[in-house]
Amino acid sequence: MKPYLCLLFPLLLSACGQGTRQSSARAEQKEANAETKKDTTVKRVPADAKTVLSRKEVPVLCYHQIRDWKASDSKRAHDDIIPPAHFKEHMKMLADSGYHTILPDQLYDYLNYGTALPSKPIMISFDDTDLDQYTTGASELKKYGFKGVFFIMTVSIGRPRYMSKAQIKELSDDGHVIASHTWNHKNFTQFTDEDWKIQIDEPTKTLEKLTGKKVEYFAYPYGLFKASLLHKLKEHGFKAAFILSTKRDETYPLYTIRRIIDPGTYSARNLYNSIQKSFNKK
């Protein structure tokens, strides 16, 4: 064998071996990718209504205004208005008690597919777009690493005492969920055909344009719903919807998820006991 061939032959063997290893690696990666694709294309079977209703309820709290009471506030209004000091005490109690906040997608996956949740899950929600939900509510949640869902009434955006577009966008960017609460708080039970565009579709477009994310959850103004209209929420793109503490619909339980208002008159202990009493049933 000529000298230069003696030098070249080992190199050819090395290159050949390297090429074989690369081909083998590519084949293994291709196979792994195929398995991954197979896994992600497996469709989960959604639960039927009976199964959804059989799952243990997750506590969902509802807040409106977070401010001190005024002399002009009625006694009834004290339920919907929680003083900042009380709100802070209640959030600290939840954290100290080991609660972990979850977001609507997690709750939906749990109810619909049985997906596991963290220990002591709870969801914190805010209705009506009030500014103090941003200035006091969100800042207090941040202390404990909590996240919440903000049900936005779009007619109020940018008005005095309400959140601006920038503030809503910031909440979304910070990992909170922005959801729908109609255009101007019209009672869902009184919806006309025209209202599906005015109160539902147009607010959805507004919020999706603002946040760059899909809007898939809805809270009924006053917590009131009409059973004969529930199927239309799914047709208009919502995965789930939230009432207050009334009975859930047996046909559409995902569209009647219960919440309780945390009254401004409650102590932290009152709230803890209310959570146990209201949601500790299967």
Protein backbone atom coordinates (compact mmCIF):
# COMPACT_ATOMS: atom_id res chain seq x y z
CA MET A 1 0.00 0.00 0.00
CA LYS A 2 1.28 3.41 -0.91
CA PRO A 3 2.25 5.69 2.00
CA TYR A 4 -0.47 8.28 1.39
CA LEU A 5 -3.11 5.52 1.26
CA CYS A 6 -1.88 4.22 4.62
CA LEU A 7 -2.49 7.67 6.06
CA LEU A 8 -5.84 8.09 4.34
CA PHE A 9 -7.31 4.69 5.23
CA PRO A 10 -7.69 5.31 9.00
CA LEU A 11 -9.29 8.66 8.27
CA LEU A 12 -11.80 7.02 5.95
CA LEU A 13 -12.62 4.44 8.61
CA SER A 14 -13.06 7.20 11.21
CA ALA A 15 -15.30 9.23 8.92
CA CYS A 16 -17.32 6.15 8.09
CA GLY A 17 -17.77 5.35 11.77
CA GLN A 18 -18.74 8.92 12.58
CA GLY A 19 -21.24 8.96 9.75
CA THR A 20 -22.75 5.72 10.99
CA ARG A 21 -23.08 7.13 14.52
CA GLN A 22 -24.69 10.33 13.20
CA SER A 23 -27.13 8.33 11.08
CA SER A 24 -27.98 6.19 14.08
CA ALA A 25 -28.46 9.28 16.26
CA ARG A 26 -30.69 10.89 13.65
CA ALA A 27 -32.75 7.70 13.44
CA GLU A 28 -33.11 7.59 17.23
CA GLN A 29 -34.11 11.27 17.36
CA LYS A 30 -36.63 10.72 14.56
CA GLU A 31 -38.11 7.80 16.47
CA ALA A 32 -38.24 9.85 19.68
CA ASN A 33 -39.94 12.72 17.85
CA ALA A 34 -42.47 10.30 16.44
CA GLU A 35 -43.23 8.99 19.93
CA THR A 36 -43.57 12.53 21.28
CA LYS A 37 -45.91 13.45 18.47
CA LYS A 38 -47.90 10.31 19.12
CA ASP A 39 -48.20 11.24 22.80
CA THR A 40 -49.36 14.78 22.10
CA THR A 41 -51.94 13.67 19.58
CA VAL A 42 -53.66 11.28 21.98
CA LYS A 43 -57.03 12.84 22.68
CA ARG A 44 -58.20 13.09 26.26
CA VAL A 45 -61.81 12.08 26.73
CA PRO A 46 -63.81 14.83 28.46
CA ALA A 47 -65.91 13.87 31.45
CA ASP A 48 -69.68 13.72 31.26
CA ALA A 49 -71.79 16.03 33.43
CA LYS A 50 -72.30 13.42 36.14
CA THR A 51 -68.55 12.88 36.48
CA VAL A 52 -67.84 16.62 36.63
CA LEU A 53 -70.44 17.03 39.36
CA SER A 54 -68.96 14.11 41.31
CA ARG A 55 -65.52 15.71 41.61
CA LYS A 56 -64.79 17.52 44.85
CA GLU A 57 -65.36 21.24 44.43
CA VAL A 58 -62.38 23.58 44.46
CA PRO A 59 -62.85 26.78 46.51
CA VAL A 60 -63.28 29.87 44.33
CA LEU A 61 -63.40 33.28 46.01
CA CYS A 62 -64.98 36.38 44.48
CA TYR A 63 -64.04 40.00 45.17
CA HIS A 64 -65.47 43.29 43.94
CA GLN A 65 -64.31 46.54 45.53
CA ILE A 66 -61.32 46.63 47.86
CA ARG A 67 -61.66 49.90 49.77
CA ASP A 68 -62.70 51.29 53.12
CA TRP A 69 -66.40 51.69 53.73
CA LYS A 70 -68.05 55.06 53.35
CA ALA A 71 -70.93 56.48 55.36
CA SER A 72 -73.05 56.32 52.21
CA ASP A 73 -72.48 52.56 51.77
CA SER A 74 -75.47 50.43 52.68
CA LYS A 75 -75.15 47.52 55.09
CA ARG A 76 -75.67 45.15 52.15
CA ALA A 77 -72.80 46.84 50.28
CA HIS A 78 -70.44 45.81 53.07
CA ASP A 79 -70.57 42.28 51.68
CA ASP A 80 -69.25 43.37 48.28
CA ILE A 81 -66.78 45.96 49.62
CA ILE A 82 -63.84 44.58 51.57
CA PRO A 83 -61.54 47.02 53.42
CA PRO A 84 -57.89 46.71 52.31
CA ALA A 85 -56.79 45.73 55.81
CA HIS A 86 -59.25 42.82 55.82
CA PHE A 87 -58.24 41.72 52.34
CA LYS A 88 -54.58 41.66 53.37
CA GLU A 89 -55.38 39.61 56.47
CA HIS A 90 -57.38 37.16 54.38
CA MET A 91 -54.61 36.67 51.81
CA LYS A 92 -52.09 36.10 54.60
CA MET A 93 -54.41 33.53 56.17
CA LEU A 94 -54.67 31.64 52.86
CA ALA A 95 -50.89 31.59 52.50
CA ASP A 96 -50.30 30.60 56.13
CA SER A 97 -52.92 27.85 55.79
CA GLY A 98 -51.07 26.28 52.87
CA TYR A 99 -53.43 27.19 50.05
CA HIS A 100 -52.07 27.27 46.50
CA THR A 101 -53.80 29.43 43.91
CA ILE A 102 -54.78 27.86 40.61
CA LEU A 103 -56.01 29.41 37.38
CA PRO A 104 -59.07 28.59 35.25
CA ASP A 105 -57.23 26.25 32.85
CA GLN A 106 -56.08 24.13 35.79
CA LEU A 107 -59.59 24.02 37.24
CA TYR A 108 -61.06 23.16 33.84
CA ASP A 109 -58.57 20.33 33.28
CA TYR A 110 -59.27 18.96 36.74
CA LEU A 111 -63.04 19.00 36.31
CA ASN A 112 -63.04 17.81 32.71
CA TYR A 113 -60.13 15.36 32.66
CA GLY A 114 -59.31 14.63 36.29
CA THR A 115 -55.90 16.30 36.06
CA ALA A 116 -54.11 16.54 39.40
CA LEU A 117 -54.06 19.83 41.30
CA PRO A 118 -51.64 21.15 43.93
CA SER A 119 -52.45 20.53 47.58
CA LYS A 120 -55.16 22.81 48.99
CA PRO A 121 -56.02 24.48 45.68
CA ILE A 122 -58.01 27.70 45.61
CA MET A 123 -58.94 30.21 42.92
CA ILE A 124 -59.15 33.95 43.55
CA SER A 125 -61.36 35.97 41.22
CA PHE A 126 -62.23 39.65 40.80
CA ASP A 127 -65.29 41.10 39.09
CA ASP A 128 -66.06 44.48 37.47
CA THR A 129 -62.62 45.98 36.58
CA ASP A 130 -62.28 48.20 39.67
CA LEU A 131 -58.92 49.97 39.94
CA ASP A 132 -58.35 48.84 43.53
CA GLN A 133 -58.20 45.25 42.29
CA TYR A 134 -55.00 46.27 40.52
CA THR A 135 -53.52 48.65 43.09
CA THR A 136 -54.35 46.62 46.21
CA GLY A 137 -55.54 43.21 45.01
CA ALA A 138 -52.79 42.25 42.58
CA SER A 139 -50.01 43.76 44.68
CA GLU A 140 -51.14 41.75 47.70
CA LEU A 141 -51.36 38.53 45.69
CA LYS A 142 -47.79 39.11 44.53
CA LYS A 143 -46.49 38.98 48.11
CA TYR A 144 -47.45 35.33 48.31
CA GLY A 145 -46.83 34.26 44.73
CA PHE A 146 -50.59 34.04 44.17
CA LYS A 147 -52.28 34.44 40.78
CA GLY A 148 -55.89 35.36 40.08
CA VAL A 149 -58.49 35.74 37.37
CA PHE A 150 -59.93 39.16 36.57
CA PHE A 151 -63.41 39.22 35.01
CA ILE A 152 -63.45 42.45 33.03
CA MET A 153 -66.49 44.59 32.23
CA THR A 154 -65.17 46.26 29.10
CA VAL A 155 -67.38 49.37 29.13
CA SER A 156 -65.46 50.54 32.22
CA ILE A 157 -61.92 50.23 30.87
CA GLY A 158 -60.10 53.54 31.20
CA ARG A 159 -62.83 55.29 33.17
CA PRO A 160 -62.10 56.97 36.52
CA ARG A 161 -61.91 54.41 39.35
CA TYR A 162 -61.44 51.56 36.88
CA MET A 163 -58.43 49.88 35.33
CA SER A 164 -56.75 51.16 32.18
CA LYS A 165 -55.80 49.07 29.16
CA ALA A 166 -52.16 49.19 30.24
CA GLN A 167 -52.97 47.91 33.72
CA ILE A 168 -55.07 45.04 32.37
CA LYS A 169 -52.27 44.14 29.95
CA GLU A 170 -49.78 44.21 32.82
CA LEU A 171 -51.92 41.82 34.86
CA SER A 172 -52.04 39.43 31.91
CA ASP A 173 -48.30 39.69 31.33
CA ASP A 174 -47.70 38.95 35.02
CA GLY A 175 -49.47 35.60 34.72
CA HIS A 176 -52.97 36.47 35.85
CA VAL A 177 -55.91 35.49 33.66
CA ILE A 178 -58.11 38.09 31.97
CA ALA A 179 -61.66 36.87 31.40
CA SER A 180 -65.06 38.25 30.38
CA HIS A 181 -67.79 39.86 32.50
CA THR A 182 -69.88 41.29 29.61
CA TRP A 183 -69.74 44.77 28.14
CA ASN A 184 -71.84 46.65 30.69
CA HIS A 185 -72.91 44.09 33.30
CA LYS A 186 -76.22 43.17 31.68
CA ASN A 187 -78.12 40.42 33.45
CA PHE A 188 -77.46 37.18 31.55
CA THR A 189 -81.01 35.97 32.15
CA GLN A 190 -82.28 38.92 30.09
CA PHE A 191 -80.03 38.40 27.05
CA THR A 192 -81.58 38.96 23.62
CA ASP A 193 -80.16 37.64 20.34
CA GLU A 194 -78.41 40.98 19.83
CA ASP A 195 -76.67 40.74 23.19
CA TRP A 196 -74.52 37.82 22.12
CA LYS A 197 -72.63 40.24 19.91
CA ILE A 198 -72.73 43.26 22.23
CA GLN A 199 -72.19 41.58 25.58
CA ILE A 200 -70.14 38.55 24.57
CA ASP A 201 -68.38 38.59 21.18
CA GLU A 202 -67.26 42.23 21.10
CA PRO A 203 -65.87 42.20 24.69
CA THR A 204 -64.02 38.98 23.86
CA LYS A 205 -62.41 40.63 20.83
CA THR A 206 -61.51 43.71 22.89
CA LEU A 207 -59.80 41.68 25.60
CA GLU A 208 -58.01 39.35 23.19
CA LYS A 209 -56.64 42.30 21.24
CA LEU A 210 -55.55 43.93 24.48
CA THR A 211 -53.80 40.90 26.00
CA GLY A 212 -52.82 38.90 22.92
CA LYS A 213 -54.35 35.82 24.57
CA LYS A 214 -57.56 33.86 24.09
CA VAL A 215 -60.48 34.69 26.37
CA GLU A 216 -62.15 31.44 27.36
CA TYR A 217 -63.82 32.06 30.71
CA PHE A 218 -66.88 34.05 31.76
CA ALA A 219 -68.52 35.22 34.99
CA TYR A 220 -72.23 36.01 35.09
CA PRO A 221 -73.18 39.50 36.29
CA TYR A 222 -74.90 39.15 39.68
CA GLY A 223 -74.05 35.43 39.47
CA LEU A 224 -77.32 34.80 37.63
CA PHE A 225 -77.69 32.38 34.72
CA LYS A 226 -80.45 30.92 32.56
CA ALA A 227 -80.21 27.19 31.91
CA SER A 228 -81.63 27.40 28.39
CA LEU A 229 -78.81 29.75 27.32
CA LEU A 230 -75.83 27.85 28.74
CA HIS A 231 -75.11 25.89 25.55
CA LYS A 232 -74.60 29.15 23.68
CA LEU A 233 -71.60 30.07 25.83
CA LYS A 234 -69.77 27.05 24.47
CA GLU A 235 -70.77 28.04 20.93
CA HIS A 236 -69.26 31.47 21.55
CA GLY A 237 -65.88 30.08 22.59
CA PHE A 238 -66.04 29.74 26.37
CA LYS A 239 -64.69 26.63 28.10
CA ALA A 240 -66.31 27.36 31.46
CA ALA A 241 -68.32 29.99 33.33
CA PHE A 242 -68.75 31.02 36.96
CA ILE A 243 -71.82 31.69 39.07
CA LEU A 244 -71.93 32.57 42.77
CA SER A 245 -73.13 30.26 45.55
CA THR A 246 -76.34 28.97 43.98
CA LYS A 247 -76.94 25.41 42.76
CA ARG A 248 -75.01 24.21 39.71
CA ASP A 249 -76.75 23.16 36.52
CA GLU A 250 -76.81 19.36 36.20
CA THR A 251 -76.52 19.42 32.41
CA TYR A 252 -73.82 22.10 32.10
CA PRO A 253 -71.79 21.98 35.33
CA LEU A 254 -68.69 23.46 33.65
CA TYR A 255 -70.74 26.58 32.91
CA THR A 256 -72.01 26.91 36.47
CA ILE A 257 -68.87 26.65 38.62
CA ARG A 258 -69.58 27.95 42.10
CA ARG A 259 -67.85 30.86 43.82
CA ILE A 260 -68.42 32.53 47.17
CA ILE A 261 -68.03 36.22 47.94
CA ASP A 262 -65.55 37.01 50.70
CA PRO A 263 -67.61 39.56 52.67
CA GLY A 264 -65.92 42.68 53.96
CA THR A 265 -67.39 41.93 57.40
CA TYR A 266 -65.54 38.58 57.69
CA SER A 267 -62.49 38.02 59.81
CA ALA A 268 -59.78 35.74 58.42
CA ARG A 269 -61.13 32.94 60.64
CA ASN A 270 -64.66 33.51 59.31
CA LEU A 271 -63.37 33.14 55.76
CA TYR A 272 -61.46 29.95 56.58
CA ASN A 273 -64.56 28.40 58.12
CA SER A 274 -66.72 29.51 55.19
CA ILE A 275 -64.36 27.86 52.71
CA GLN A 276 -64.49 24.60 54.67
CA LYS A 277 -68.27 24.68 54.92
CA SER A 278 -68.98 25.73 51.35
CA PHE A 279 -66.51 23.58 49.42
CA ASN A 280 -65.59 20.63 51.62
CA LYS A 281 -68.18 18.37 49.98
CA LYS A 282 -67.74 15.96 47.09
